[in-house]
N, C-alpha and C. Protein backbone atom coordinates (compact mmCIF):
# COMPACT_ATOMS: atom_id res chain seq x y z
N MET A 1 128.42 104.73 22.47
CA MET A 1 128.24 104.26 23.92
C MET A 1 126.94 103.45 23.55
N GLY A 2 126.96 102.33 24.24
CA GLY A 2 125.76 101.34 24.37
C GLY A 2 124.79 101.65 24.96
N VAL A 3 123.45 101.01 25.29
CA VAL A 3 122.07 101.00 25.72
C VAL A 3 122.23 100.97 27.17
N ARG A 4 121.84 102.22 27.75
CA ARG A 4 121.94 102.22 29.05
C ARG A 4 120.81 101.63 29.70
N LYS A 5 120.81 100.83 30.63
CA LYS A 5 119.93 99.66 31.51
C LYS A 5 119.45 100.43 32.71
N ILE A 6 118.31 101.48 32.81
CA ILE A 6 117.93 102.35 33.87
C ILE A 6 116.49 101.76 34.21
N GLY A 7 116.30 101.63 35.63
CA GLY A 7 114.83 101.20 36.19
C GLY A 7 114.49 102.23 37.17
N LEU A 8 113.23 102.72 37.11
CA LEU A 8 112.55 103.57 38.10
C LEU A 8 111.65 102.80 38.67
N LEU A 9 111.71 102.61 39.94
CA LEU A 9 111.05 102.00 41.02
C LEU A 9 110.35 102.95 42.02
N VAL A 10 109.27 102.43 42.45
CA VAL A 10 108.64 103.17 43.52
C VAL A 10 108.47 102.14 44.83
N GLU A 11 109.02 102.35 46.04
CA GLU A 11 109.04 101.82 46.98
C GLU A 11 107.93 102.46 48.27
N GLN A 12 107.54 101.26 48.61
CA GLN A 12 106.41 101.82 50.00
C GLN A 12 107.14 100.96 51.50
N PRO A 13 108.03 101.88 51.99
CA PRO A 13 108.31 101.37 53.21
C PRO A 13 107.52 101.27 54.45
N THR A 14 106.26 102.16 54.40
CA THR A 14 105.22 102.20 55.05
C THR A 14 104.18 102.50 54.65
N ASP A 15 103.01 102.11 55.54
CA ASP A 15 101.40 102.82 54.63
C ASP A 15 101.53 104.38 54.42
N GLY A 16 101.01 104.98 53.18
CA GLY A 16 101.07 105.98 52.81
C GLY A 16 102.43 106.49 52.75
N SER A 17 103.43 106.24 52.38
CA SER A 17 104.81 106.68 52.16
C SER A 17 105.30 106.05 51.15
N TYR A 18 105.52 106.75 49.96
CA TYR A 18 106.05 106.10 48.82
C TYR A 18 107.53 106.94 48.53
N PHE A 19 108.61 106.23 47.74
CA PHE A 19 109.77 107.18 47.74
C PHE A 19 110.04 106.29 46.15
N TRP A 20 110.18 107.00 45.00
CA TRP A 20 110.94 107.03 43.95
C TRP A 20 112.29 106.62 43.98
N VAL A 21 113.00 105.54 42.98
CA VAL A 21 114.49 105.14 43.35
C VAL A 21 114.63 104.84 41.79
N ILE A 22 115.66 105.76 41.49
CA ILE A 22 116.23 105.32 39.71
C ILE A 22 117.39 104.34 40.07
N HIS A 23 117.39 102.95 39.47
CA HIS A 23 118.64 102.31 39.54
C HIS A 23 119.11 102.09 38.04
N GLU A 24 120.54 101.89 38.04
CA GLU A 24 121.09 101.51 37.00
C GLU A 24 122.23 100.36 36.95
N ASP A 25 122.18 99.73 35.76
CA ASP A 25 123.37 98.69 35.67
C ASP A 25 124.61 99.04 35.18
N VAL A 26 125.34 99.81 36.00
CA VAL A 26 126.21 100.47 35.93
C VAL A 26 127.69 99.95 35.39
N ARG A 27 127.83 98.61 35.83
CA ARG A 27 129.01 97.85 35.23
C ARG A 27 128.50 97.01 34.31
N GLN A 28 127.16 96.85 33.97
CA GLN A 28 126.39 96.03 32.80
C GLN A 28 126.87 94.52 33.30
N ASP A 29 126.48 94.39 34.37
CA ASP A 29 126.59 93.08 34.80
C ASP A 29 125.38 92.21 35.27
N GLY A 30 124.40 92.93 34.89
CA GLY A 30 123.11 92.40 35.46
C GLY A 30 122.46 93.11 36.72
N ARG A 31 123.40 93.94 37.79
CA ARG A 31 123.17 94.03 38.94
C ARG A 31 122.87 95.68 39.21
N PHE A 32 121.76 95.83 39.38
CA PHE A 32 121.26 97.19 39.32
C PHE A 32 121.59 97.77 40.77
N GLU A 33 122.24 99.02 40.54
CA GLU A 33 122.44 99.86 41.87
C GLU A 33 121.57 101.24 41.96
N PRO A 34 121.31 101.62 42.96
CA PRO A 34 120.66 102.91 43.17
C PRO A 34 121.55 104.03 42.61
N LEU A 35 121.04 104.68 41.58
CA LEU A 35 121.68 105.98 41.37
C LEU A 35 121.19 107.12 41.89
N HIS A 36 120.05 107.52 42.30
CA HIS A 36 119.13 108.28 42.93
C HIS A 36 118.03 107.92 43.65
N ARG A 37 117.56 108.84 44.65
CA ARG A 37 116.24 108.27 45.27
C ARG A 37 115.80 109.72 45.95
N ALA A 38 114.43 109.28 46.24
CA ALA A 38 113.50 110.58 46.68
C ALA A 38 114.19 110.99 48.24
N GLU A 39 114.46 112.15 48.35
CA GLU A 39 114.70 112.81 49.68
C GLU A 39 113.62 112.69 50.48
N ARG A 40 112.22 112.92 49.87
CA ARG A 40 111.02 112.64 50.78
C ARG A 40 110.08 111.93 50.56
N SER A 41 109.03 111.55 51.42
CA SER A 41 108.16 110.93 51.00
C SER A 41 106.90 111.36 50.28
N PHE A 42 106.24 110.66 49.49
CA PHE A 42 105.18 111.16 48.54
C PHE A 42 103.62 110.52 49.20
N ALA A 43 102.72 110.81 48.86
CA ALA A 43 101.57 110.19 49.62
C ALA A 43 100.86 109.45 48.69
N THR A 44 101.02 109.34 47.46
CA THR A 44 100.66 108.50 46.75
C THR A 44 101.43 107.70 45.66
N TYR A 45 101.64 106.82 45.11
CA TYR A 45 102.14 105.95 44.24
C TYR A 45 102.45 106.68 43.06
N SER A 46 101.34 107.32 42.36
CA SER A 46 101.24 107.75 41.28
C SER A 46 102.31 109.20 41.10
N ALA A 47 102.24 109.89 42.28
CA ALA A 47 103.03 111.28 42.67
C ALA A 47 104.41 110.93 42.81
N ALA A 48 104.75 109.54 43.41
CA ALA A 48 106.10 109.42 43.73
C ALA A 48 106.46 108.97 41.98
N LEU A 49 105.75 108.14 41.38
CA LEU A 49 106.12 107.90 39.97
C LEU A 49 106.41 109.13 39.31
N ALA A 50 105.39 109.74 39.07
CA ALA A 50 105.82 110.94 38.53
C ALA A 50 106.83 112.04 38.62
N GLN A 51 107.23 112.12 40.00
CA GLN A 51 108.36 112.76 40.36
C GLN A 51 109.51 112.34 39.63
N GLY A 52 109.72 110.68 40.05
CA GLY A 52 110.90 109.97 39.74
C GLY A 52 110.89 110.04 38.18
N TYR A 53 109.93 109.88 37.51
CA TYR A 53 110.05 110.10 35.74
C TYR A 53 110.59 111.58 35.65
N GLY A 54 109.94 112.55 36.25
CA GLY A 54 110.69 113.87 35.91
C GLY A 54 112.05 113.78 36.13
N VAL A 55 112.78 113.26 37.05
CA VAL A 55 114.01 113.28 37.71
C VAL A 55 114.83 112.49 36.28
N LEU A 56 114.28 111.36 36.04
CA LEU A 56 114.78 110.42 35.27
C LEU A 56 114.90 111.50 33.69
N GLN A 57 113.99 111.96 33.44
CA GLN A 57 113.99 112.65 32.35
C GLN A 57 115.32 113.83 32.15
N ARG A 58 115.30 114.50 33.45
CA ARG A 58 116.47 115.38 33.63
C ARG A 58 117.63 114.76 33.70
N LEU A 59 117.97 113.48 34.18
CA LEU A 59 119.00 112.91 33.98
C LEU A 59 119.77 112.49 32.75
N CYS A 60 118.65 111.74 31.88
CA CYS A 60 119.19 111.16 30.72
C CYS A 60 118.07 111.97 29.24
N GLY A 61 117.32 112.58 29.60
CA GLY A 61 116.63 113.31 28.56
C GLY A 61 117.30 113.45 27.27
N LEU A 62 117.91 114.55 26.51
CA LEU A 62 118.20 114.54 25.09
C LEU A 62 119.59 114.15 25.32
N THR A 63 120.32 114.16 26.49
CA THR A 63 121.60 114.35 26.22
C THR A 63 122.27 112.43 26.42
N GLY A 64 121.42 112.06 27.44
CA GLY A 64 121.54 110.52 27.55
C GLY A 64 122.98 110.42 28.32
N LEU A 65 123.20 111.22 29.15
CA LEU A 65 124.43 110.89 30.05
C LEU A 65 125.01 109.73 30.40
N PRO A 66 126.04 109.35 30.44
CA PRO A 66 126.38 107.83 31.24
C PRO A 66 126.36 107.90 32.34
N ALA A 67 126.28 106.94 33.26
CA ALA A 67 126.18 107.07 34.86
C ALA A 67 127.17 107.84 35.46
N TYR A 68 128.35 107.73 35.23
CA TYR A 68 129.36 108.61 35.76
C TYR A 68 129.30 109.95 35.60
N ALA A 69 128.76 110.50 34.20
CA ALA A 69 128.48 111.79 34.40
C ALA A 69 126.82 112.43 34.86
N ALA A 70 126.23 111.32 34.87
CA ALA A 70 124.54 111.55 35.41
C ALA A 70 124.82 111.83 36.83
N ARG A 71 125.60 111.15 37.58
CA ARG A 71 126.06 111.24 38.93
C ARG A 71 126.22 112.63 39.31
N SER A 72 126.93 113.17 38.33
CA SER A 72 127.42 114.91 38.73
C SER A 72 126.36 115.80 38.54
N VAL A 73 125.31 115.58 38.21
CA VAL A 73 124.16 116.44 37.41
C VAL A 73 123.40 117.13 38.76
N ALA A 74 123.37 118.22 38.78
CA ALA A 74 122.45 118.71 40.09
C ALA A 74 120.88 118.44 39.74
N LEU A 75 120.51 118.28 40.67
CA LEU A 75 118.99 117.80 40.82
C LEU A 75 118.22 119.04 41.32
N SER A 76 117.14 119.62 41.06
CA SER A 76 116.75 120.53 41.64
C SER A 76 115.15 120.08 42.03
N LEU A 77 114.89 119.93 43.23
CA LEU A 77 113.56 119.08 43.18
C LEU A 77 112.57 119.88 44.22
């Protein structure tokens, strides 16, 4: 299995509202698509980033699951 290209972004659609989004280059064509996103907003950038990083660790942690398998992993937030 090759290297997974994954990105963690924090979006701010409105003032005081931050959402984490995990993207992956699933097709390995340079086009990242959303894999998972926060279901609720966070009050600060750092809170959203920390929560998103935790989800990323659960998705990829020690197993390094490929995208198709990672999509079926249950996330408890």
